[in-house]
Amino acid sequence: IVNRNGVAVTQKTDTKLCLIVPKIDEQNNCLELTFPYMTSIRIPLDLKNSEANGFEALMCQSKVCGDRVEGIDCGDNVAEWLSDALCTSGLRLIRQCDNHEKKISKKSTIT
């Protein structure tokens, strides 16, 4: 989950994150998110069928622990759901790309 600036949201900055319960539904090939007093939402795990189910897969970049990460935006429906659940506008759910390789910056290497 990232904010409108593409920076990862953590439980340290938003303690309500711990109330979101993720569940992998293997039978329906989706990720289901639940939050108290809200209807759950399902996100397809198969990107090929995502668009057919109303999810538009868009490539994007975000920051996780200061590192740039490429990912796939999971769409407006889950973004609205997350923003409603956490009472924070502009949130997005990003799925990390399969081909992601962590690159170590020169400033973080020990010499």
N, C-alpha and C. Protein backbone atom coordinates (compact mmCIF):
# COMPACT_ATOMS: atom_id res chain seq x y z
N ILE A 1 0.86 -1.17 0.00
CA ILE A 1 0.00 0.00 0.00
C ILE A 1 0.90 1.22 0.00
N VAL A 2 0.63 2.13 -0.93
CA VAL A 2 1.41 3.37 -1.01
C VAL A 2 0.47 4.57 -0.94
N ASN A 3 1.03 5.71 -0.53
CA ASN A 3 0.24 6.93 -0.48
C ASN A 3 0.27 7.64 -1.83
N ARG A 4 -0.34 8.81 -1.89
CA ARG A 4 -0.44 9.54 -3.17
C ARG A 4 0.92 9.93 -3.73
N ASN A 5 1.97 9.93 -2.90
CA ASN A 5 3.32 10.25 -3.36
C ASN A 5 4.11 9.01 -3.76
N GLY A 6 3.48 7.83 -3.67
CA GLY A 6 4.15 6.59 -4.04
C GLY A 6 5.04 6.02 -2.95
N VAL A 7 4.89 6.51 -1.72
CA VAL A 7 5.70 6.03 -0.60
C VAL A 7 4.90 4.99 0.18
N ALA A 8 5.56 3.90 0.53
CA ALA A 8 4.89 2.81 1.25
C ALA A 8 4.32 3.29 2.58
N VAL A 9 3.10 2.84 2.87
CA VAL A 9 2.44 3.12 4.14
C VAL A 9 2.79 1.96 5.08
N THR A 10 3.16 2.28 6.30
CA THR A 10 3.54 1.24 7.26
C THR A 10 2.65 1.32 8.50
N GLN A 11 2.68 0.28 9.31
CA GLN A 11 1.93 0.30 10.56
C GLN A 11 2.48 1.34 11.52
N LYS A 12 3.73 1.70 11.33
CA LYS A 12 4.32 2.74 12.17
C LYS A 12 3.64 4.09 11.90
N THR A 13 3.30 4.35 10.64
CA THR A 13 2.66 5.61 10.29
C THR A 13 1.14 5.52 10.31
N ASP A 14 0.59 4.32 10.14
CA ASP A 14 -0.87 4.13 10.17
C ASP A 14 -1.18 2.82 10.88
N THR A 15 -1.46 2.92 12.17
CA THR A 15 -1.65 1.71 12.99
C THR A 15 -2.88 0.91 12.60
N LYS A 16 -3.83 1.51 11.87
CA LYS A 16 -5.03 0.78 11.45
C LYS A 16 -4.72 -0.28 10.39
N LEU A 17 -3.52 -0.24 9.82
CA LEU A 17 -3.14 -1.26 8.84
C LEU A 17 -3.25 -2.66 9.41
N CYS A 18 -3.00 -2.80 10.71
CA CYS A 18 -3.04 -4.13 11.32
C CYS A 18 -4.45 -4.72 11.32
N LEU A 19 -5.46 -3.91 11.06
CA LEU A 19 -6.84 -4.40 11.04
C LEU A 19 -7.23 -4.97 9.67
N ILE A 20 -6.41 -4.71 8.65
CA ILE A 20 -6.67 -5.29 7.33
C ILE A 20 -6.16 -6.72 7.35
N VAL A 21 -7.06 -7.66 7.06
CA VAL A 21 -6.70 -9.08 7.07
C VAL A 21 -6.67 -9.60 5.64
N PRO A 22 -5.48 -9.98 5.14
CA PRO A 22 -5.39 -10.55 3.80
C PRO A 22 -5.59 -12.06 3.83
N LYS A 23 -6.24 -12.58 2.81
CA LYS A 23 -6.45 -14.03 2.70
C LYS A 23 -6.31 -14.41 1.23
N ILE A 24 -5.48 -15.40 0.97
CA ILE A 24 -5.34 -15.92 -0.39
C ILE A 24 -6.41 -16.99 -0.59
N ASP A 25 -7.29 -16.76 -1.54
CA ASP A 25 -8.33 -17.72 -1.88
C ASP A 25 -7.85 -18.48 -3.12
N GLU A 26 -7.25 -19.64 -2.89
CA GLU A 26 -6.67 -20.42 -3.99
C GLU A 26 -7.74 -20.94 -4.94
N GLN A 27 -8.90 -21.27 -4.41
CA GLN A 27 -9.96 -21.82 -5.24
C GLN A 27 -10.43 -20.79 -6.29
N ASN A 28 -10.52 -19.52 -5.88
CA ASN A 28 -10.96 -18.47 -6.80
C ASN A 28 -9.80 -17.64 -7.35
N ASN A 29 -8.57 -18.01 -6.99
CA ASN A 29 -7.36 -17.36 -7.47
C ASN A 29 -7.40 -15.84 -7.25
N CYS A 30 -7.66 -15.46 -5.98
CA CYS A 30 -7.71 -14.04 -5.68
C CYS A 30 -7.20 -13.77 -4.26
N LEU A 31 -6.89 -12.52 -4.02
CA LEU A 31 -6.54 -12.03 -2.69
C LEU A 31 -7.78 -11.35 -2.14
N GLU A 32 -8.21 -11.74 -0.96
CA GLU A 32 -9.36 -11.10 -0.33
C GLU A 32 -8.88 -10.29 0.86
N LEU A 33 -9.30 -9.03 0.93
CA LEU A 33 -8.96 -8.16 2.05
C LEU A 33 -10.22 -7.89 2.85
N THR A 34 -10.10 -8.01 4.18
CA THR A 34 -11.22 -7.69 5.05
C THR A 34 -10.79 -6.64 6.05
N PHE A 35 -11.77 -5.86 6.51
CA PHE A 35 -11.55 -4.81 7.49
C PHE A 35 -12.84 -4.73 8.31
N PRO A 36 -12.73 -4.53 9.63
CA PRO A 36 -13.93 -4.51 10.48
C PRO A 36 -15.01 -3.55 9.96
N TYR A 37 -16.24 -4.05 9.92
CA TYR A 37 -17.44 -3.30 9.56
C TYR A 37 -17.48 -2.85 8.10
N MET A 38 -16.64 -3.45 7.26
CA MET A 38 -16.66 -3.15 5.82
C MET A 38 -16.86 -4.44 5.04
N THR A 39 -17.43 -4.31 3.85
CA THR A 39 -17.53 -5.44 2.93
C THR A 39 -16.13 -5.75 2.44
N SER A 40 -15.79 -7.03 2.36
CA SER A 40 -14.45 -7.41 1.88
C SER A 40 -14.32 -7.09 0.39
N ILE A 41 -13.08 -7.09 -0.08
CA ILE A 41 -12.81 -6.86 -1.50
C ILE A 41 -11.88 -7.96 -1.99
N ARG A 42 -12.07 -8.34 -3.25
CA ARG A 42 -11.24 -9.39 -3.86
C ARG A 42 -10.44 -8.80 -5.01
N ILE A 43 -9.17 -9.19 -5.05
CA ILE A 43 -8.26 -8.74 -6.11
C ILE A 43 -7.76 -9.98 -6.83
N PRO A 44 -7.96 -10.07 -8.15
CA PRO A 44 -7.50 -11.24 -8.90
C PRO A 44 -5.98 -11.40 -8.82
N LEU A 45 -5.52 -12.62 -8.66
CA LEU A 45 -4.08 -12.89 -8.65
C LEU A 45 -3.55 -13.10 -10.06
N ASP A 46 -4.40 -13.51 -10.96
CA ASP A 46 -4.02 -13.74 -12.35
C ASP A 46 -4.15 -12.43 -13.11
N LEU A 47 -3.03 -11.84 -13.48
CA LEU A 47 -3.06 -10.55 -14.16
C LEU A 47 -3.74 -10.61 -15.52
N LYS A 48 -3.73 -11.78 -16.16
CA LYS A 48 -4.37 -11.92 -17.47
C LYS A 48 -5.88 -11.72 -17.37
N ASN A 49 -6.46 -12.13 -16.24
CA ASN A 49 -7.91 -12.00 -16.06
C ASN A 49 -8.29 -10.75 -15.29
N SER A 50 -7.32 -9.96 -14.89
CA SER A 50 -7.60 -8.77 -14.09
C SER A 50 -8.49 -7.78 -14.81
N GLU A 51 -8.16 -7.47 -16.07
CA GLU A 51 -8.93 -6.48 -16.81
C GLU A 51 -10.35 -6.96 -17.06
N ALA A 52 -10.54 -8.26 -17.27
CA ALA A 52 -11.87 -8.80 -17.50
C ALA A 52 -12.74 -8.67 -16.25
N ASN A 53 -12.10 -8.61 -15.08
CA ASN A 53 -12.83 -8.49 -13.82
C ASN A 53 -12.88 -7.05 -13.31
N GLY A 54 -12.58 -6.08 -14.17
CA GLY A 54 -12.69 -4.68 -13.78
C GLY A 54 -11.45 -4.11 -13.11
N PHE A 55 -10.33 -4.80 -13.17
CA PHE A 55 -9.09 -4.31 -12.60
C PHE A 55 -8.14 -4.00 -13.74
N GLU A 56 -7.68 -2.77 -13.80
CA GLU A 56 -6.76 -2.37 -14.86
C GLU A 56 -5.35 -2.40 -14.31
N ALA A 57 -4.50 -3.24 -14.88
CA ALA A 57 -3.13 -3.38 -14.41
C ALA A 57 -2.25 -2.31 -15.05
N LEU A 58 -1.80 -1.36 -14.24
CA LEU A 58 -0.94 -0.29 -14.71
C LEU A 58 0.40 -0.37 -14.01
N MET A 59 1.48 -0.25 -14.78
CA MET A 59 2.81 -0.25 -14.20
C MET A 59 3.05 1.07 -13.48
N CYS A 60 3.75 1.01 -12.36
CA CYS A 60 4.07 2.23 -11.62
C CYS A 60 5.33 1.99 -10.81
N GLN A 61 5.85 3.07 -10.24
CA GLN A 61 7.01 2.98 -9.37
C GLN A 61 6.62 3.53 -8.01
N SER A 62 7.21 2.97 -6.97
CA SER A 62 6.99 3.48 -5.63
C SER A 62 8.29 3.36 -4.85
N LYS A 63 8.27 3.84 -3.63
CA LYS A 63 9.44 3.74 -2.76
C LYS A 63 9.11 2.85 -1.58
N VAL A 64 9.99 1.89 -1.33
CA VAL A 64 9.88 1.02 -0.16
C VAL A 64 11.23 1.08 0.55
N CYS A 65 11.23 1.55 1.76
CA CYS A 65 12.46 1.72 2.54
C CYS A 65 13.51 2.52 1.76
N GLY A 66 13.05 3.53 1.04
CA GLY A 66 13.95 4.40 0.29
C GLY A 66 14.36 3.87 -1.07
N ASP A 67 14.03 2.62 -1.38
CA ASP A 67 14.39 2.03 -2.68
C ASP A 67 13.23 2.17 -3.66
N ARG A 68 13.54 2.45 -4.91
CA ARG A 68 12.52 2.49 -5.96
C ARG A 68 12.14 1.06 -6.32
N VAL A 69 10.84 0.81 -6.38
CA VAL A 69 10.32 -0.52 -6.68
C VAL A 69 9.31 -0.39 -7.80
N GLU A 70 9.42 -1.25 -8.81
CA GLU A 70 8.43 -1.27 -9.87
C GLU A 70 7.31 -2.22 -9.48
N GLY A 71 6.10 -1.81 -9.78
CA GLY A 71 4.97 -2.65 -9.42
C GLY A 71 3.80 -2.42 -10.35
N ILE A 72 2.73 -3.13 -10.06
CA ILE A 72 1.51 -3.05 -10.84
C ILE A 72 0.41 -2.53 -9.92
N ASP A 73 -0.18 -1.42 -10.32
CA ASP A 73 -1.28 -0.84 -9.55
C ASP A 73 -2.49 -1.77 -9.67
N CYS A 74 -3.09 -2.12 -8.55
CA CYS A 74 -4.20 -3.08 -8.55
C CYS A 74 -5.56 -2.46 -8.85
N GLY A 75 -5.61 -1.17 -9.14
CA GLY A 75 -6.84 -0.57 -9.63
C GLY A 75 -7.56 0.35 -8.66
N ASP A 76 -8.56 1.04 -9.22
CA ASP A 76 -9.30 2.05 -8.48
C ASP A 76 -10.22 1.46 -7.41
N ASN A 77 -10.81 0.30 -7.67
CA ASN A 77 -11.75 -0.29 -6.70
C ASN A 77 -11.07 -0.57 -5.36
N VAL A 78 -9.93 -1.23 -5.41
CA VAL A 78 -9.22 -1.55 -4.16
C VAL A 78 -8.61 -0.28 -3.56
N ALA A 79 -8.23 0.67 -4.40
CA ALA A 79 -7.68 1.93 -3.89
C ALA A 79 -8.74 2.68 -3.08
N GLU A 80 -9.95 2.74 -3.60
CA GLU A 80 -11.05 3.39 -2.86
C GLU A 80 -11.36 2.63 -1.58
N TRP A 81 -11.35 1.31 -1.64
CA TRP A 81 -11.62 0.48 -0.47
C TRP A 81 -10.59 0.76 0.62
N LEU A 82 -9.31 0.78 0.24
CA LEU A 82 -8.24 1.05 1.21
C LEU A 82 -8.36 2.45 1.80
N SER A 83 -8.64 3.43 0.94
CA SER A 83 -8.78 4.81 1.41
C SER A 83 -9.94 4.94 2.39
N ASP A 84 -11.05 4.25 2.12
CA ASP A 84 -12.20 4.26 3.04
C ASP A 84 -11.85 3.57 4.35
N ALA A 85 -11.21 2.41 4.27
CA ALA A 85 -10.88 1.64 5.47
C ALA A 85 -9.93 2.41 6.38
N LEU A 86 -8.93 3.04 5.80
CA LEU A 86 -7.90 3.71 6.59
C LEU A 86 -8.13 5.20 6.75
N CYS A 87 -9.26 5.69 6.20
CA CYS A 87 -9.62 7.12 6.31
C CYS A 87 -8.49 8.02 5.82
N THR A 88 -7.87 7.61 4.70
CA THR A 88 -6.77 8.36 4.10
C THR A 88 -6.96 8.36 2.60
N SER A 89 -7.11 9.52 2.00
CA SER A 89 -7.32 9.57 0.56
C SER A 89 -6.02 9.33 -0.20
N GLY A 90 -6.16 8.83 -1.42
CA GLY A 90 -5.02 8.67 -2.31
C GLY A 90 -4.20 7.41 -2.14
N LEU A 91 -4.69 6.42 -1.39
CA LEU A 91 -3.93 5.18 -1.22
C LEU A 91 -4.08 4.29 -2.45
N ARG A 92 -3.04 3.51 -2.74
CA ARG A 92 -3.05 2.56 -3.86
C ARG A 92 -2.45 1.25 -3.38
N LEU A 93 -2.96 0.14 -3.92
CA LEU A 93 -2.37 -1.17 -3.66
C LEU A 93 -1.47 -1.50 -4.84
N ILE A 94 -0.21 -1.75 -4.55
CA ILE A 94 0.77 -2.05 -5.59
C ILE A 94 1.25 -3.49 -5.43
N ARG A 95 1.23 -4.20 -6.53
CA ARG A 95 1.73 -5.58 -6.55
C ARG A 95 3.13 -5.55 -7.14
N GLN A 96 4.10 -6.05 -6.39
CA GLN A 96 5.48 -6.02 -6.87
C GLN A 96 5.63 -6.91 -8.09
N CYS A 97 6.37 -6.42 -9.08
CA CYS A 97 6.61 -7.18 -10.30
C CYS A 97 7.42 -8.43 -9.99
N ASP A 98 7.17 -9.49 -10.75
CA ASP A 98 7.88 -10.75 -10.56
C ASP A 98 9.37 -10.62 -10.84
N ASN A 99 9.74 -9.72 -11.74
CA ASN A 99 11.14 -9.61 -12.16
C ASN A 99 11.92 -8.62 -11.32
N HIS A 100 11.42 -8.25 -10.14
CA HIS A 100 12.10 -7.25 -9.30
C HIS A 100 13.39 -7.81 -8.73
N GLU A 101 14.45 -7.04 -8.87
CA GLU A 101 15.72 -7.37 -8.23
C GLU A 101 16.12 -6.19 -7.39
N LYS A 102 16.43 -6.42 -6.13
CA LYS A 102 16.84 -5.33 -5.26
C LYS A 102 18.23 -4.87 -5.67
N LYS A 103 18.35 -3.59 -5.89
CA LYS A 103 19.63 -3.01 -6.26
C LYS A 103 20.21 -2.31 -5.05
N ILE A 104 21.42 -2.63 -4.70
CA ILE A 104 22.07 -2.02 -3.55
C ILE A 104 22.74 -0.74 -4.02
N SER A 105 22.39 0.36 -3.36
CA SER A 105 22.99 1.63 -3.75
C SER A 105 24.42 1.71 -3.24
N LYS A 106 25.23 2.51 -3.91
CA LYS A 106 26.64 2.64 -3.54
C LYS A 106 26.80 3.18 -2.13
N LYS A 107 25.89 4.07 -1.71
CA LYS A 107 26.04 4.66 -0.39
C LYS A 107 25.74 3.67 0.74
N SER A 108 25.07 2.54 0.43
CA SER A 108 24.75 1.58 1.48
C SER A 108 25.76 0.44 1.57
N THR A 109 26.77 0.44 0.71
CA THR A 109 27.77 -0.63 0.77
C THR A 109 28.84 -0.29 1.79
N ILE A 110 29.36 -1.30 2.42
CA ILE A 110 30.41 -1.12 3.43
C ILE A 110 31.76 -1.29 2.75
N THR A 111 32.65 -0.32 2.99
CA THR A 111 33.99 -0.41 2.39
C THR A 111 35.04 -0.50 3.46
